[in-house]
Structures are given as structure tokens and as C-alpha cells.
Amino acid sequence: MIEQLKDIIVNYVEVKKEDIKPESRFIEDLGFTSFDFMSMLGEVEDELDVEIDQEEAANIRTVQEAADYLAKLV
């Protein structure tokens, strides 16, 4: 799940895939804006054919948290 997420993340921010760690925070470490993050979640929904709860998404801070959340949905 993390590898799939990394593939999507690199489309939104100027960061190398190998620099994305499970503990990387989307906004503080990877440079996401809230708009980037919501756009990325839309792509994740399309790619994985899942429905992301916006309230739960607001609590996701790190790549690992996102991967754990998505793993529960698929």
C-alpha cells in the first residue's frame, strides 16, 4: 500500500519517491498544501476504487497513517 501511495504522492509534490518515508508528514515534510492533499485523496479514491471519509482524512498526518487507513478500505 505504501508503494502505491508513493507513486501517487510524487505526482503532487517535488519529492523523490525514495525520500518518502512511512513517518513523512504530508504538509510539514512533503510540502503538501491542503488542496494538494485533497486532490491526491481524490486520485487515491479513483485508483483504489474506495470512498474516503473526509472527516477521517482530516486526521491523517503521515504516509503510514494514510496507508493504514486505506488498507482498511480495500
Protein backbone atom coordinates (compact mmCIF):
# COMPACT_ATOMS: atom_id res chain seq x y z
CA MET A 1 0.00 0.00 0.00
CA ILE A 2 2.82 2.42 0.84
CA GLU A 3 4.45 1.89 -2.57
CA GLN A 4 1.17 2.65 -4.36
CA LEU A 5 0.78 5.74 -2.22
CA LYS A 6 4.34 6.90 -3.02
CA ASP A 7 3.62 6.54 -6.74
CA ILE A 8 0.69 8.92 -6.33
CA ILE A 9 2.44 11.35 -3.94
CA VAL A 10 5.23 12.13 -6.42
CA ASN A 11 2.59 13.46 -8.84
CA TYR A 12 1.67 16.21 -6.38
CA VAL A 13 4.89 17.41 -4.76
CA GLU A 14 8.52 17.85 -5.75
CA VAL A 15 9.95 14.94 -3.80
CA LYS A 16 11.78 11.79 -4.84
CA LYS A 17 9.99 8.52 -4.23
CA GLU A 18 12.94 7.18 -2.22
CA ASP A 19 12.76 10.20 0.11
CA ILE A 20 9.20 9.40 1.16
CA LYS A 21 9.25 7.53 4.48
CA PRO A 22 6.33 5.99 6.41
CA GLU A 23 6.74 8.70 9.07
CA SER A 24 6.83 11.53 6.49
CA ARG A 25 4.14 14.10 7.26
CA PHE A 26 2.22 15.29 4.21
CA ILE A 27 2.24 19.01 4.94
CA GLU A 28 5.30 19.55 7.13
CA ASP A 29 7.73 17.12 5.46
CA LEU A 30 6.48 16.63 1.91
CA GLY A 31 5.24 20.15 1.24
CA PHE A 32 1.59 19.38 0.50
CA THR A 33 -0.95 22.17 0.65
CA SER A 34 -4.40 21.20 1.89
CA PHE A 35 -5.60 21.50 -1.72
CA ASP A 36 -2.83 19.13 -2.91
CA PHE A 37 -3.77 16.66 -0.18
CA MET A 38 -7.47 16.67 -1.06
CA SER A 39 -6.65 16.33 -4.78
CA MET A 40 -4.37 13.39 -4.01
CA LEU A 41 -7.13 11.74 -1.97
CA GLY A 42 -9.43 12.05 -4.96
CA GLU A 43 -6.90 10.25 -7.13
CA VAL A 44 -6.43 7.58 -4.46
CA GLU A 45 -10.20 7.02 -4.42
CA ASP A 46 -10.20 6.55 -8.19
CA GLU A 47 -7.10 4.35 -8.28
CA LEU A 48 -8.13 2.05 -5.43
CA ASP A 49 -11.89 2.27 -6.00
CA VAL A 50 -12.58 3.29 -2.39
CA GLU A 51 -14.59 6.01 -0.66
CA ILE A 52 -12.55 8.15 1.75
CA ASP A 53 -14.39 9.73 4.67
CA GLN A 54 -13.46 13.45 4.67
CA GLU A 55 -13.56 13.73 8.47
CA GLU A 56 -11.24 10.77 8.87
CA ALA A 57 -8.98 12.09 6.11
CA ALA A 58 -8.59 15.34 8.05
CA ASN A 59 -6.88 13.35 10.83
CA ILE A 60 -4.31 11.71 8.54
CA ARG A 61 -0.90 13.28 9.01
CA THR A 62 1.69 10.74 7.84
CA VAL A 63 2.18 8.41 4.90
CA GLN A 64 1.88 5.41 7.26
CA GLU A 65 -1.42 6.68 8.69
CA ALA A 66 -2.75 7.06 5.15
CA ALA A 67 -1.58 3.56 4.18
CA ASP A 68 -3.14 2.04 7.32
CA TYR A 69 -6.43 3.82 6.69
CA LEU A 70 -6.52 2.78 3.03
CA ALA A 71 -5.66 -0.83 3.91
CA LYS A 72 -8.85 -0.96 5.98
CA LEU A 73 -10.89 0.23 2.99
CA VAL A 74 -9.66 -2.20 0.34
